[in-house]
Amino acid sequence: MDYTEFKGKTVLITGAGKGIGRAIAVRLASLGAKVYGISRTQTDLDSLRQQVKCTIDRNLASGYIRLGHYTGNSGPIDMLVNNAAVVKHTPFLDVTKEELDE
């Protein structure tokens, strides 16, 4: 199947360092998309950059600020893959405000 609709599109992917986000980044880059990856782990992003051509940002917390920077340099973002997540093993009723803010 030919996915030409992604060729030349600019994609911002949160959680691009590992798992599903990384797989999406690799696949979209292979389909010709210009990929911007955001993650909290620099080593994961460094290995992603070696695997595919993409622009990376280590600081997930500043992603919403950096979006303006990306659009100013590369044109509009055509697609957002909001994939970032954190796993906590705290029972729902015991979750603290601090855990929610992470």
PDB file of N, CA and C in Angstrom:
ATOM      1  N   MET A   1       0.849  -1.175   0.000  1.00  0.00           N
ATOM      2  CA  MET A   1       0.000   0.000   0.000  1.00  0.00           C
ATOM      3  C   MET A   1       0.895   1.240   0.000  1.00  0.00           C
ATOM      4  N   ASP A   2       0.501   2.238  -0.772  1.00  0.00           N
ATOM      5  CA  ASP A   2       1.283   3.463  -0.918  1.00  0.00           C
ATOM      6  C   ASP A   2       0.631   4.588  -0.109  1.00  0.00           C
ATOM      7  N   TYR A   3       1.347   5.093   0.892  1.00  0.00           N
ATOM      8  CA  TYR A   3       0.819   6.150   1.758  1.00  0.00           C
ATOM      9  C   TYR A   3       1.435   7.491   1.380  1.00  0.00           C
ATOM     10  N   THR A   4       1.168   7.977   0.207  1.00  0.00           N
ATOM     11  CA  THR A   4       1.782   9.211  -0.280  1.00  0.00           C
ATOM     12  C   THR A   4       1.272  10.454   0.443  1.00  0.00           C
ATOM     13  N   GLU A   5       0.156  10.343   1.161  1.00  0.00           N
ATOM     14  CA  GLU A   5      -0.395  11.526   1.846  1.00  0.00           C
ATOM     15  C   GLU A   5       0.513  12.033   2.970  1.00  0.00           C
ATOM     16  N   PHE A   6       1.486  11.231   3.415  1.00  0.00           N
ATOM     17  CA  PHE A   6       2.399  11.665   4.472  1.00  0.00           C
ATOM     18  C   PHE A   6       3.661  12.323   3.926  1.00  0.00           C
ATOM     19  N   LYS A   7       3.946  12.154   2.645  1.00  0.00           N
ATOM     20  CA  LYS A   7       5.163  12.693   2.046  1.00  0.00           C
ATOM     21  C   LYS A   7       5.163  14.225   2.121  1.00  0.00           C
ATOM     22  N   GLY A   8       6.226  14.762   2.723  1.00  0.00           N
ATOM     23  CA  GLY A   8       6.368  16.212   2.844  1.00  0.00           C
ATOM     24  C   GLY A   8       5.584  16.848   3.977  1.00  0.00           C
ATOM     25  N   LYS A   9       4.817  16.075   4.723  1.00  0.00           N
ATOM     26  CA  LYS A   9       4.052  16.607   5.857  1.00  0.00           C
ATOM     27  C   LYS A   9       4.956  16.754   7.069  1.00  0.00           C
ATOM     28  N   THR A  10       4.673  17.730   7.910  1.00  0.00           N
ATOM     29  CA  THR A  10       5.426  17.960   9.142  1.00  0.00           C
ATOM     30  C   THR A  10       4.632  17.391  10.307  1.00  0.00           C
ATOM     31  N   VAL A  11       5.280  16.488  11.070  1.00  0.00           N
ATOM     32  CA  VAL A  11       4.604  15.766  12.140  1.00  0.00           C
ATOM     33  C   VAL A  11       5.350  15.986  13.454  1.00  0.00           C
ATOM     34  N   LEU A  12       4.629  16.345  14.499  1.00  0.00           N
ATOM     35  CA  LEU A  12       5.180  16.481  15.849  1.00  0.00           C
ATOM     36  C   LEU A  12       4.698  15.289  16.660  1.00  0.00           C
ATOM     37  N   ILE A  13       5.653  14.518  17.215  1.00  0.00           N
ATOM     38  CA  ILE A  13       5.308  13.303  17.954  1.00  0.00           C
ATOM     39  C   ILE A  13       5.822  13.411  19.385  1.00  0.00           C
ATOM     40  N   THR A  14       4.923  13.385  20.360  1.00  0.00           N
ATOM     41  CA  THR A  14       5.341  13.331  21.759  1.00  0.00           C
ATOM     42  C   THR A  14       5.559  11.872  22.130  1.00  0.00           C
ATOM     43  N   GLY A  15       6.474  11.630  23.053  1.00  0.00           N
ATOM     44  CA  GLY A  15       6.776  10.255  23.449  1.00  0.00           C
ATOM     45  C   GLY A  15       7.476   9.483  22.346  1.00  0.00           C
ATOM     46  N   ALA A  16       8.274  10.178  21.540  1.00  0.00           N
ATOM     47  CA  ALA A  16       8.907   9.565  20.368  1.00  0.00           C
ATOM     48  C   ALA A  16      10.127   8.713  20.703  1.00  0.00           C
ATOM     49  N   GLY A  17      10.571   8.713  21.940  1.00  0.00           N
ATOM     50  CA  GLY A  17      11.792   7.995  22.298  1.00  0.00           C
ATOM     51  C   GLY A  17      11.635   6.494  22.425  1.00  0.00           C
ATOM     52  N   LYS A  18      10.448   6.030  22.748  1.00  0.00           N
ATOM     53  CA  LYS A  18      10.252   4.601  23.035  1.00  0.00           C
ATOM     54  C   LYS A  18       8.909   4.118  22.511  1.00  0.00           C
ATOM     55  N   GLY A  19       8.785   2.818  22.429  1.00  0.00           N
ATOM     56  CA  GLY A  19       7.508   2.152  22.204  1.00  0.00           C
ATOM     57  C   GLY A  19       6.739   2.612  20.984  1.00  0.00           C
ATOM     58  N   ILE A  20       5.446   2.848  21.191  1.00  0.00           N
ATOM     59  CA  ILE A  20       4.549   3.201  20.095  1.00  0.00           C
ATOM     60  C   ILE A  20       4.963   4.513  19.440  1.00  0.00           C
ATOM     61  N   GLY A  21       5.327   5.512  20.237  1.00  0.00           N
ATOM     62  CA  GLY A  21       5.742   6.800  19.681  1.00  0.00           C
ATOM     63  C   GLY A  21       6.953   6.665  18.773  1.00  0.00           C
ATOM     64  N   ARG A  22       7.911   5.865  19.191  1.00  0.00           N
ATOM     65  CA  ARG A  22       9.104   5.629  18.369  1.00  0.00           C
ATOM     66  C   ARG A  22       8.726   4.912  17.077  1.00  0.00           C
ATOM     67  N   ALA A  23       7.889   3.887  17.179  1.00  0.00           N
ATOM     68  CA  ALA A  23       7.460   3.153  15.987  1.00  0.00           C
ATOM     69  C   ALA A  23       6.741   4.074  15.003  1.00  0.00           C
ATOM     70  N   ILE A  24       5.910   4.960  15.518  1.00  0.00           N
ATOM     71  CA  ILE A  24       5.205   5.914  14.662  1.00  0.00           C
ATOM     72  C   ILE A  24       6.200   6.856  13.995  1.00  0.00           C
ATOM     73  N   ALA A  25       7.184   7.347  14.759  1.00  0.00           N
ATOM     74  CA  ALA A  25       8.202   8.248  14.197  1.00  0.00           C
ATOM     75  C   ALA A  25       8.976   7.569  13.071  1.00  0.00           C
ATOM     76  N   VAL A  26       9.389   6.338  13.299  1.00  0.00           N
ATOM     77  CA  VAL A  26      10.144   5.595  12.288  1.00  0.00           C
ATOM     78  C   VAL A  26       9.294   5.386  11.033  1.00  0.00           C
ATOM     79  N   ARG A  27       8.056   4.973  11.234  1.00  0.00           N
ATOM     80  CA  ARG A  27       7.179   4.695  10.088  1.00  0.00           C
ATOM     81  C   ARG A  27       6.870   5.955   9.287  1.00  0.00           C
ATOM     82  N   LEU A  28       6.514   7.039   9.973  1.00  0.00           N
ATOM     83  CA  LEU A  28       6.176   8.266   9.246  1.00  0.00           C
ATOM     84  C   LEU A  28       7.390   8.842   8.530  1.00  0.00           C
ATOM     85  N   ALA A  29       8.561   8.748   9.140  1.00  0.00           N
ATOM     86  CA  ALA A  29       9.786   9.205   8.474  1.00  0.00           C
ATOM     87  C   ALA A  29      10.033   8.363   7.216  1.00  0.00           C
ATOM     88  N   SER A  30       9.797   7.060   7.299  1.00  0.00           N
ATOM     89  CA  SER A  30       9.995   6.196   6.136  1.00  0.00           C
ATOM     90  C   SER A  30       9.002   6.505   5.014  1.00  0.00           C
ATOM     91  N   LEU A  31       7.875   7.120   5.367  1.00  0.00           N
ATOM     92  CA  LEU A  31       6.861   7.490   4.379  1.00  0.00           C
ATOM     93  C   LEU A  31       7.070   8.902   3.842  1.00  0.00           C
ATOM     94  N   GLY A  32       8.175   9.547   4.261  1.00  0.00           N
ATOM     95  CA  GLY A  32       8.511  10.856   3.725  1.00  0.00           C
ATOM     96  C   GLY A  32       8.092  12.042   4.555  1.00  0.00           C
ATOM     97  N   ALA A  33       7.583  11.821   5.754  1.00  0.00           N
ATOM     98  CA  ALA A  33       7.187  12.930   6.630  1.00  0.00           C
ATOM     99  C   ALA A  33       8.421  13.549   7.278  1.00  0.00           C
ATOM    100  N   LYS A  34       8.339  14.832   7.561  1.00  0.00           N
ATOM    101  CA  LYS A  34       9.373  15.521   8.341  1.00  0.00           C
ATOM    102  C   LYS A  34       8.956  15.379   9.803  1.00  0.00           C
ATOM    103  N   VAL A  35       9.720  14.621  10.583  1.00  0.00           N
ATOM    104  CA  VAL A  35       9.328  14.253  11.936  1.00  0.00           C
ATOM    105  C   VAL A  35      10.065  15.088  12.969  1.00  0.00           C
ATOM    106  N   TYR A  36       9.305  15.652  13.904  1.00  0.00           N
ATOM    107  CA  TYR A  36       9.842  16.301  15.090  1.00  0.00           C
ATOM    108  C   TYR A  36       9.468  15.425  16.274  1.00  0.00           C
ATOM    109  N   GLY A  37      10.462  14.886  16.980  1.00  0.00           N
ATOM    110  CA  GLY A  37      10.207  14.000  18.104  1.00  0.00           C
ATOM    111  C   GLY A  37      10.504  14.673  19.428  1.00  0.00           C
ATOM    112  N   ILE A  38       9.646  14.465  20.407  1.00  0.00           N
ATOM    113  CA  ILE A  38       9.828  14.994  21.755  1.00  0.00           C
ATOM    114  C   ILE A  38       9.794  13.826  22.730  1.00  0.00           C
ATOM    115  N   SER A  39      10.734  13.817  23.678  1.00  0.00           N
ATOM    116  CA  SER A  39      10.777  12.776  24.698  1.00  0.00           C
ATOM    117  C   SER A  39      11.527  13.308  25.903  1.00  0.00           C
ATOM    118  N   ARG A  40      11.429  12.586  27.020  1.00  0.00           N
ATOM    119  CA  ARG A  40      12.143  12.990  28.225  1.00  0.00           C
ATOM    120  C   ARG A  40      13.522  12.350  28.321  1.00  0.00           C
ATOM    121  N   THR A  41      13.830  11.388  27.486  1.00  0.00           N
ATOM    122  CA  THR A  41      15.074  10.631  27.608  1.00  0.00           C
ATOM    123  C   THR A  41      15.988  10.923  26.420  1.00  0.00           C
ATOM    124  N   GLN A  42      17.086  11.630  26.686  1.00  0.00           N
ATOM    125  CA  GLN A  42      17.992  12.041  25.627  1.00  0.00           C
ATOM    126  C   GLN A  42      18.600  10.859  24.876  1.00  0.00           C
ATOM    127  N   THR A  43      19.008   9.800  25.577  1.00  0.00           N
ATOM    128  CA  THR A  43      19.646   8.668  24.897  1.00  0.00           C
ATOM    129  C   THR A  43      18.689   7.989  23.913  1.00  0.00           C
ATOM    130  N   ASP A  44      17.404   7.918  24.272  1.00  0.00           N
ATOM    131  CA  ASP A  44      16.421   7.341  23.351  1.00  0.00           C
ATOM    132  C   ASP A  44      16.295   8.193  22.094  1.00  0.00           C
ATOM    133  N   LEU A  45      16.297   9.510  22.263  1.00  0.00           N
ATOM    134  CA  LEU A  45      16.188  10.397  21.111  1.00  0.00           C
ATOM    135  C   LEU A  45      17.446  10.361  20.256  1.00  0.00           C
ATOM    136  N   ASP A  46      18.603  10.234  20.899  1.00  0.00           N
ATOM    137  CA  ASP A  46      19.851  10.137  20.138  1.00  0.00           C
ATOM    138  C   ASP A  46      19.843   8.893  19.249  1.00  0.00           C
ATOM    139  N   SER A  47      19.369   7.771  19.790  1.00  0.00           N
ATOM    140  CA  SER A  47      19.323   6.549  18.986  1.00  0.00           C
ATOM    141  C   SER A  47      18.252   6.653  17.896  1.00  0.00           C
ATOM    142  N   LEU A  48      17.157   7.351  18.177  1.00  0.00           N
ATOM    143  CA  LEU A  48      16.134   7.564  17.151  1.00  0.00           C
ATOM    144  C   LEU A  48      16.704   8.397  16.015  1.00  0.00           C
ATOM    145  N   ARG A  49      17.451   9.424  16.352  1.00  0.00           N
ATOM    146  CA  ARG A  49      18.041  10.288  15.328  1.00  0.00           C
ATOM    147  C   ARG A  49      19.015   9.500  14.445  1.00  0.00           C
ATOM    148  N   GLN A  50      19.712   8.536  15.035  1.00  0.00           N
ATOM    149  CA  GLN A  50      20.605   7.692  14.233  1.00  0.00           C
ATOM    150  C   GLN A  50      19.811   6.741  13.338  1.00  0.00           C
ATOM    151  N   GLN A  51      18.647   6.335  13.790  1.00  0.00           N
ATOM    152  CA  GLN A  51      17.829   5.392  13.029  1.00  0.00           C
ATOM    153  C   GLN A  51      17.116   6.064  11.860  1.00  0.00           C
ATOM    154  N   VAL A  52      16.576   7.255  12.090  1.00  0.00           N
ATOM    155  CA  VAL A  52      15.846   7.969  11.035  1.00  0.00           C
ATOM    156  C   VAL A  52      16.222   9.439  11.082  1.00  0.00           C
ATOM    157  N   LYS A  53      16.003  10.128   9.983  1.00  0.00           N
ATOM    158  CA  LYS A  53      16.247  11.569   9.941  1.00  0.00           C
ATOM    159  C   LYS A  53      15.074  12.276  10.618  1.00  0.00           C
ATOM    160  N   CYS A  54      15.361  12.931  11.739  1.00  0.00           N
ATOM    161  CA  CYS A  54      14.308  13.666  12.431  1.00  0.00           C
ATOM    162  C   CYS A  54      14.947  14.739  13.294  1.00  0.00           C
ATOM    163  N   THR A  55      14.126  15.670  13.745  1.00  0.00           N
ATOM    164  CA  THR A  55      14.555  16.695  14.680  1.00  0.00           C
ATOM    165  C   THR A  55      14.029  16.288  16.038  1.00  0.00           C
ATOM    166  N   ILE A  56      14.857  16.437  17.086  1.00  0.00           N
ATOM    167  CA  ILE A  56      14.441  15.964  18.397  1.00  0.00           C
ATOM    168  C   ILE A  56      14.509  17.073  19.433  1.00  0.00           C
ATOM    169  N   ASP A  57      13.733  16.891  20.495  1.00  0.00           N
ATOM    170  CA  ASP A  57      13.738  17.796  21.648  1.00  0.00           C
ATOM    171  C   ASP A  57      13.614  16.939  22.894  1.00  0.00           C
ATOM    172  N   ARG A  58      14.558  17.052  23.800  1.00  0.00           N
ATOM    173  CA  ARG A  58      14.586  16.221  24.996  1.00  0.00           C
ATOM    174  C   ARG A  58      13.541  16.633  26.016  1.00  0.00           C
ATOM    175  N   ASN A  59      13.195  17.880  26.087  1.00  0.00           N
ATOM    176  CA  ASN A  59      12.393  18.392  27.189  1.00  0.00           C
ATOM    177  C   ASN A  59      10.899  18.358  26.872  1.00  0.00           C
ATOM    178  N   LEU A  60      10.245  17.302  27.285  1.00  0.00           N
ATOM    179  CA  LEU A  60       8.810  17.151  27.029  1.00  0.00           C
ATOM    180  C   LEU A  60       7.998  18.270  27.671  1.00  0.00           C
ATOM    181  N   ALA A  61       8.408  18.723  28.845  1.00  0.00           N
ATOM    182  CA  ALA A  61       7.652  19.762  29.550  1.00  0.00           C
ATOM    183  C   ALA A  61       7.582  21.052  28.752  1.00  0.00           C
ATOM    184  N   SER A  62       8.579  21.315  27.917  1.00  0.00           N
ATOM    185  CA  SER A  62       8.568  22.557  27.145  1.00  0.00           C
ATOM    186  C   SER A  62       7.985  22.352  25.751  1.00  0.00           C
ATOM    187  N   GLY A  63       7.387  21.200  25.496  1.00  0.00           N
ATOM    188  CA  GLY A  63       6.873  20.910  24.167  1.00  0.00           C
ATOM    189  C   GLY A  63       5.908  21.950  23.645  1.00  0.00           C
ATOM    190  N   TYR A  64       5.014  22.454  24.485  1.00  0.00           N
ATOM    191  CA  TYR A  64       4.038  23.423  24.005  1.00  0.00           C
ATOM    192  C   TYR A  64       4.699  24.750  23.666  1.00  0.00           C
ATOM    193  N   ILE A  65       5.775  25.098  24.346  1.00  0.00           N
ATOM    194  CA  ILE A  65       6.527  26.306  24.029  1.00  0.00           C
ATOM    195  C   ILE A  65       7.325  26.090  22.742  1.00  0.00           C
ATOM    196  N   ARG A  66       7.953  24.940  22.646  1.00  0.00           N
ATOM    197  CA  ARG A  66       8.788  24.625  21.499  1.00  0.00           C
ATOM    198  C   ARG A  66       7.972  24.528  20.210  1.00  0.00           C
ATOM    199  N   LEU A  67       6.689  24.236  20.308  1.00  0.00           N
ATOM    200  CA  LEU A  67       5.863  24.131  19.114  1.00  0.00           C
ATOM    201  C   LEU A  67       5.920  25.432  18.317  1.00  0.00           C
ATOM    202  N   GLY A  68       5.856  26.558  19.001  1.00  0.00           N
ATOM    203  CA  GLY A  68       5.973  27.837  18.322  1.00  0.00           C
ATOM    204  C   GLY A  68       7.316  27.979  17.615  1.00  0.00           C
ATOM    205  N   HIS A  69       8.359  27.476  18.237  1.00  0.00           N
ATOM    206  CA  HIS A  69       9.683  27.496  17.638  1.00  0.00           C
ATOM    207  C   HIS A  69       9.702  26.634  16.378  1.00  0.00           C
ATOM    208  N   TYR A  70       9.122  25.455  16.443  1.00  0.00           N
ATOM    209  CA  TYR A  70       9.099  24.565  15.288  1.00  0.00           C
ATOM    210  C   TYR A  70       8.322  25.194  14.141  1.00  0.00           C
ATOM    211  N   THR A  71       7.161  25.740  14.412  1.00  0.00           N
ATOM    212  CA  THR A  71       6.356  26.294  13.332  1.00  0.00           C
ATOM    213  C   THR A  71       7.029  27.517  12.725  1.00  0.00           C
ATOM    214  N   GLY A  72       7.777  28.272  13.533  1.00  0.00           N
ATOM    215  CA  GLY A  72       8.477  29.437  13.008  1.00  0.00           C
ATOM    216  C   GLY A  72       9.596  29.071  12.055  1.00  0.00           C
ATOM    217  N   ASN A  73      10.195  27.909  12.228  1.00  0.00           N
ATOM    218  CA  ASN A  73      11.322  27.510  11.402  1.00  0.00           C
ATOM    219  C   ASN A  73      10.952  26.598  10.249  1.00  0.00           C
ATOM    220  N   SER A  74       9.861  25.894  10.345  1.00  0.00           N
ATOM    221  CA  SER A  74       9.601  24.861   9.346  1.00  0.00           C
ATOM    222  C   SER A  74       8.222  24.944   8.719  1.00  0.00           C
ATOM    223  N   GLY A  75       7.495  25.971   8.993  1.00  0.00           N
ATOM    224  CA  GLY A  75       6.136  26.030   8.495  1.00  0.00           C
ATOM    225  C   GLY A  75       5.187  25.389   9.489  1.00  0.00           C
ATOM    226  N   PRO A  76       3.933  25.235   9.122  1.00  0.00           N
ATOM    227  CA  PRO A  76       2.941  24.705  10.061  1.00  0.00           C
ATOM    228  C   PRO A  76       3.139  23.218  10.335  1.00  0.00           C
ATOM    229  N   ILE A  77       2.686  22.807  11.504  1.00  0.00           N
ATOM    230  CA  ILE A  77       2.651  21.394  11.849  1.00  0.00           C
ATOM    231  C   ILE A  77       1.379  20.817  11.223  1.00  0.00           C
ATOM    232  N   ASP A  78       1.536  19.800  10.403  1.00  0.00           N
ATOM    233  CA  ASP A  78       0.389  19.191   9.727  1.00  0.00           C
ATOM    234  C   ASP A  78      -0.320  18.157  10.585  1.00  0.00           C
ATOM    235  N   MET A  79       0.449  17.508  11.484  1.00  0.00           N
ATOM    236  CA  MET A  79      -0.146  16.438  12.277  1.00  0.00           C
ATOM    237  C   MET A  79       0.532  16.379  13.639  1.00  0.00           C
ATOM    238  N   LEU A  80      -0.261  16.155  14.673  1.00  0.00           N
ATOM    239  CA  LEU A  80       0.235  15.951  16.030  1.00  0.00           C
ATOM    240  C   LEU A  80      -0.099  14.532  16.457  1.00  0.00           C
ATOM    241  N   VAL A  81       0.923  13.802  16.922  1.00  0.00           N
ATOM    242  CA  VAL A  81       0.707  12.496  17.531  1.00  0.00           C
ATOM    243  C   VAL A  81       1.000  12.683  19.011  1.00  0.00           C
ATOM    244  N   ASN A  82      -0.040  12.832  19.808  1.00  0.00           N
ATOM    245  CA  ASN A  82       0.088  13.097  21.235  1.00  0.00           C
ATOM    246  C   ASN A  82       0.155  11.760  21.964  1.00  0.00           C
ATOM    247  N   ASN A  83       1.354  11.214  22.040  1.00  0.00           N
ATOM    248  CA  ASN A  83       1.551   9.850  22.491  1.00  0.00           C
ATOM    249  C   ASN A  83       2.221   9.744  23.859  1.00  0.00           C
ATOM    250  N   ALA A  84       2.726  10.839  24.402  1.00  0.00           N
ATOM    251  CA  ALA A  84       3.482  10.783  25.656  1.00  0.00           C
ATOM    252  C   ALA A  84       2.611  10.273  26.803  1.00  0.00           C
ATOM    253  N   ALA A  85       3.220   9.456  27.644  1.00  0.00           N
ATOM    254  CA  ALA A  85       2.491   8.898  28.785  1.00  0.00           C
ATOM    255  C   ALA A  85       3.462   8.563  29.912  1.00  0.00           C
ATOM    256  N   VAL A  86       2.917   8.437  31.097  1.00  0.00           N
ATOM    257  CA  VAL A  86       3.689   8.042  32.269  1.00  0.00           C
ATOM    258  C   VAL A  86       2.917   6.908  32.939  1.00  0.00           C
ATOM    259  N   VAL A  87       3.629   5.889  33.372  1.00  0.00           N
ATOM    260  CA  VAL A  87       2.984   4.767  34.052  1.00  0.00           C
ATOM    261  C   VAL A  87       3.186   4.908  35.555  1.00  0.00           C
ATOM    262  N   LYS A  88       2.106   4.899  36.291  1.00  0.00           N
ATOM    263  CA  LYS A  88       2.143   4.928  37.752  1.00  0.00           C
ATOM    264  C   LYS A  88       1.346   3.730  38.258  1.00  0.00           C
ATOM    265  N   HIS A  89       1.858   3.106  39.273  1.00  0.00           N
ATOM    266  CA  HIS A  89       1.186   1.933  39.824  1.00  0.00           C
ATOM    267  C   HIS A  89       0.512   2.257  41.161  1.00  0.00           C
ATOM    268  N   THR A  90      -0.054   3.452  41.238  1.00  0.00           N
ATOM    269  CA  THR A  90      -0.754   3.892  42.433  1.00  0.00           C
ATOM    270  C   THR A  90      -2.252   3.662  42.242  1.00  0.00           C
ATOM    271  N   PRO A  91      -2.923   3.075  43.211  1.00  0.00           N
ATOM    272  CA  PRO A  91      -4.380   2.943  43.088  1.00  0.00           C
ATOM    273  C   PRO A  91      -5.024   4.312  42.855  1.00  0.00           C
ATOM    274  N   PHE A  92      -6.036   4.347  42.029  1.00  0.00           N
ATOM    275  CA  PHE A  92      -6.643   5.601  41.602  1.00  0.00           C
ATOM    276  C   PHE A  92      -6.982   6.525  42.766  1.00  0.00           C
ATOM    277  N   LEU A  93      -7.598   6.028  43.807  1.00  0.00           N
ATOM    278  CA  LEU A  93      -8.023   6.873  44.928  1.00  0.00           C
ATOM    279  C   LEU A  93      -6.854   7.356  45.784  1.00  0.00           C
ATOM    280  N   ASP A  94      -5.656   6.800  45.565  1.00  0.00           N
ATOM    281  CA  ASP A  94      -4.473   7.203  46.325  1.00  0.00           C
ATOM    282  C   ASP A  94      -3.541   8.121  45.545  1.00  0.00           C
ATOM    283  N   VAL A  95      -3.884   8.479  44.321  1.00  0.00           N
ATOM    284  CA  VAL A  95      -3.031   9.337  43.509  1.00  0.00           C
ATOM    285  C   VAL A  95      -2.967  10.724  44.121  1.00  0.00           C
ATOM    286  N   THR A  96      -1.738  11.255  44.232  1.00  0.00           N
ATOM    287  CA  THR A  96      -1.552  12.596  44.803  1.00  0.00           C
ATOM    288  C   THR A  96      -1.556  13.655  43.689  1.00  0.00           C
ATOM    289  N   LYS A  97      -1.722  14.899  44.082  1.00  0.00           N
ATOM    290  CA  LYS A  97      -1.659  16.003  43.129  1.00  0.00           C
ATOM    291  C   LYS A  97      -0.312  16.032  42.425  1.00  0.00           C
ATOM    292  N   GLU A  98       0.769  15.769  43.156  1.00  0.00           N
ATOM    293  CA  GLU A  98       2.114  15.770  42.599  1.00  0.00           C
ATOM    294  C   GLU A  98       2.243  14.713  41.496  1.00  0.00           C
ATOM    295  N   GLU A  99       1.656  13.544  41.720  1.00  0.00           N
ATOM    296  CA  GLU A  99       1.708  12.500  40.687  1.00  0.00           C
ATOM    297  C   GLU A  99       0.946  12.917  39.437  1.00  0.00           C
ATOM    298  N   LEU A 100      -0.153  13.597  39.607  1.00  0.00           N
ATOM    299  CA  LEU A 100      -0.923  14.074  38.459  1.00  0.00           C
ATOM    300  C   LEU A 100      -0.160  15.121  37.670  1.00  0.00           C
ATOM    301  N   ASP A 101       0.657  15.911  38.352  1.00  0.00           N
ATOM    302  CA  ASP A 101       1.411  16.974  37.692  1.00  0.00           C
ATOM    303  C   ASP A 101       2.642  16.481  36.946  1.00  0.00           C
ATOM    304  N   GLU A 102       3.043  15.237  37.157  1.00  0.00           N
ATOM    305  CA  GLU A 102       4.248  14.717  36.486  1.00  0.00           C
ATOM    306  C   GLU A 102       4.067  14.568  35.014  1.00  0.00           C
TER     307      GLU A 102
END
